[in-house]
């Protein structure tokens, strides 16, 4: 029962992940904002989104992972889902 209370008390955070990947000899930059409980979960979610377009994980270079506040978020859907 104690483990369940820890899960309920966990707060969903907003992370901004910045990086780049190579496709067809071109370099593409990306900036994604995702909601996750931990930094590792946010990175995994972004990797899953990018690899869904046919990119291998080894082609992706993540440069920055930063926890941001709701006010800093520029993604409309993230802001709406995070409203209290």
C-alpha atoms as a PDB file:
ATOM      1  CA  UNK A   1       0.000   0.000   0.000  1.00  0.00           C
ATOM      2  CA  UNK A   2       2.905   2.364   0.681  1.00  0.00           C
ATOM      3  CA  UNK A   3       4.200   1.982  -2.881  1.00  0.00           C
ATOM      4  CA  UNK A   4       0.835   3.008  -4.314  1.00  0.00           C
ATOM      5  CA  UNK A   5       0.787   6.217  -2.271  1.00  0.00           C
ATOM      6  CA  UNK A   6       4.202   7.144  -3.684  1.00  0.00           C
ATOM      7  CA  UNK A   7       2.848   6.730  -7.220  1.00  0.00           C
ATOM      8  CA  UNK A   8      -0.174   8.870  -6.506  1.00  0.00           C
ATOM      9  CA  UNK A   9       1.986  11.607  -4.993  1.00  0.00           C
ATOM     10  CA  UNK A  10       4.319  11.734  -8.008  1.00  0.00           C
ATOM     11  CA  UNK A  11       4.052  14.902 -10.005  1.00  0.00           C
ATOM     12  CA  UNK A  12       4.129  14.985 -13.784  1.00  0.00           C
ATOM     13  CA  UNK A  13       6.811  17.379 -14.992  1.00  0.00           C
ATOM     14  CA  UNK A  14       7.398  19.072 -18.324  1.00  0.00           C
ATOM     15  CA  UNK A  15      10.710  18.508 -20.097  1.00  0.00           C
ATOM     16  CA  UNK A  16      12.199  20.264 -23.123  1.00  0.00           C
ATOM     17  CA  UNK A  17      14.540  18.052 -25.131  1.00  0.00           C
ATOM     18  CA  UNK A  18      16.784  19.589 -27.796  1.00  0.00           C
ATOM     19  CA  UNK A  19      18.897  17.642 -30.249  1.00  0.00           C
ATOM     20  CA  UNK A  20      19.510  16.715 -33.852  1.00  0.00           C
ATOM     21  CA  UNK A  21      19.502  13.737 -36.183  1.00  0.00           C
ATOM     22  CA  UNK A  22      20.775  12.907 -39.645  1.00  0.00           C
ATOM     23  CA  UNK A  23      18.562  11.689 -42.467  1.00  0.00           C
ATOM     24  CA  UNK A  24      19.540  11.463 -46.140  1.00  0.00           C
ATOM     25  CA  UNK A  25      22.859  13.237 -45.457  1.00  0.00           C
ATOM     26  CA  UNK A  26      21.063  16.239 -43.942  1.00  0.00           C
ATOM     27  CA  UNK A  27      21.133  17.420 -40.362  1.00  0.00           C
ATOM     28  CA  UNK A  28      17.761  18.168 -38.762  1.00  0.00           C
ATOM     29  CA  UNK A  29      17.343  20.004 -35.454  1.00  0.00           C
ATOM     30  CA  UNK A  30      14.454  19.281 -33.113  1.00  0.00           C
ATOM     31  CA  UNK A  31      12.994  20.649 -29.917  1.00  0.00           C
ATOM     32  CA  UNK A  32      10.302  18.595 -28.212  1.00  0.00           C
ATOM     33  CA  UNK A  33       8.342  19.276 -25.069  1.00  0.00           C
ATOM     34  CA  UNK A  34       6.907  16.244 -23.299  1.00  0.00           C
ATOM     35  CA  UNK A  35       5.236  15.412 -20.006  1.00  0.00           C
ATOM     36  CA  UNK A  36       6.831  12.675 -17.917  1.00  0.00           C
ATOM     37  CA  UNK A  37       7.506  11.646 -14.346  1.00  0.00           C
ATOM     38  CA  UNK A  38      11.289  11.401 -14.770  1.00  0.00           C
ATOM     39  CA  UNK A  39      13.936  12.656 -17.169  1.00  0.00           C
ATOM     40  CA  UNK A  40      14.611   9.132 -18.449  1.00  0.00           C
ATOM     41  CA  UNK A  41      10.939   8.698 -19.336  1.00  0.00           C
ATOM     42  CA  UNK A  42      10.918  11.980 -21.245  1.00  0.00           C
ATOM     43  CA  UNK A  43      14.001  11.004 -23.265  1.00  0.00           C
ATOM     44  CA  UNK A  44      12.493   7.609 -24.067  1.00  0.00           C
ATOM     45  CA  UNK A  45       9.236   9.208 -25.229  1.00  0.00           C
ATOM     46  CA  UNK A  46      11.107  11.582 -27.580  1.00  0.00           C
ATOM     47  CA  UNK A  47      13.269   8.766 -28.938  1.00  0.00           C
ATOM     48  CA  UNK A  48      10.136   6.735 -29.675  1.00  0.00           C
ATOM     49  CA  UNK A  49       8.526   9.662 -31.495  1.00  0.00           C
ATOM     50  CA  UNK A  50      11.574  10.328 -33.675  1.00  0.00           C
ATOM     51  CA  UNK A  51      12.351   6.687 -34.459  1.00  0.00           C
ATOM     52  CA  UNK A  52       8.762   6.252 -35.667  1.00  0.00           C
ATOM     53  CA  UNK A  53       9.729   8.136 -38.863  1.00  0.00           C
ATOM     54  CA  UNK A  54      12.433   5.622 -39.765  1.00  0.00           C
ATOM     55  CA  UNK A  55      15.434   7.046 -37.900  1.00  0.00           C
ATOM     56  CA  UNK A  56      17.704   4.752 -35.881  1.00  0.00           C
ATOM     57  CA  UNK A  57      18.511   5.679 -32.303  1.00  0.00           C
ATOM     58  CA  UNK A  58      22.208   5.836 -33.159  1.00  0.00           C
ATOM     59  CA  UNK A  59      21.442   8.690 -35.603  1.00  0.00           C
ATOM     60  CA  UNK A  60      19.912  10.839 -32.846  1.00  0.00           C
ATOM     61  CA  UNK A  61      22.082  13.178 -30.776  1.00  0.00           C
ATOM     62  CA  UNK A  62      20.379  14.663 -27.726  1.00  0.00           C
ATOM     63  CA  UNK A  63      22.073  17.906 -26.697  1.00  0.00           C
ATOM     64  CA  UNK A  64      19.953  19.144 -23.800  1.00  0.00           C
ATOM     65  CA  UNK A  65      17.302  17.842 -21.429  1.00  0.00           C
ATOM     66  CA  UNK A  66      15.776  20.498 -19.209  1.00  0.00           C
ATOM     67  CA  UNK A  67      12.845  20.543 -16.830  1.00  0.00           C
ATOM     68  CA  UNK A  68      10.716  23.605 -17.547  1.00  0.00           C
ATOM     69  CA  UNK A  69       7.790  25.303 -15.884  1.00  0.00           C
ATOM     70  CA  UNK A  70       4.297  25.500 -17.311  1.00  0.00           C
ATOM     71  CA  UNK A  71       4.842  29.169 -18.194  1.00  0.00           C
ATOM     72  CA  UNK A  72       7.979  28.342 -20.225  1.00  0.00           C
ATOM     73  CA  UNK A  73       6.184  25.727 -22.321  1.00  0.00           C
ATOM     74  CA  UNK A  74       5.433  26.781 -25.899  1.00  0.00           C
ATOM     75  CA  UNK A  75       3.395  23.706 -26.816  1.00  0.00           C
ATOM     76  CA  UNK A  76      -0.341  24.467 -26.635  1.00  0.00           C
ATOM     77  CA  UNK A  77      -1.368  20.857 -25.955  1.00  0.00           C
ATOM     78  CA  UNK A  78       1.164  20.494 -23.122  1.00  0.00           C
ATOM     79  CA  UNK A  79      -0.092  23.716 -21.556  1.00  0.00           C
ATOM     80  CA  UNK A  80      -3.720  22.618 -21.769  1.00  0.00           C
ATOM     81  CA  UNK A  81      -3.042  19.163 -20.328  1.00  0.00           C
ATOM     82  CA  UNK A  82      -1.005  20.614 -17.463  1.00  0.00           C
ATOM     83  CA  UNK A  83      -3.544  23.209 -16.329  1.00  0.00           C
ATOM     84  CA  UNK A  84      -4.689  22.551 -12.761  1.00  0.00           C
END
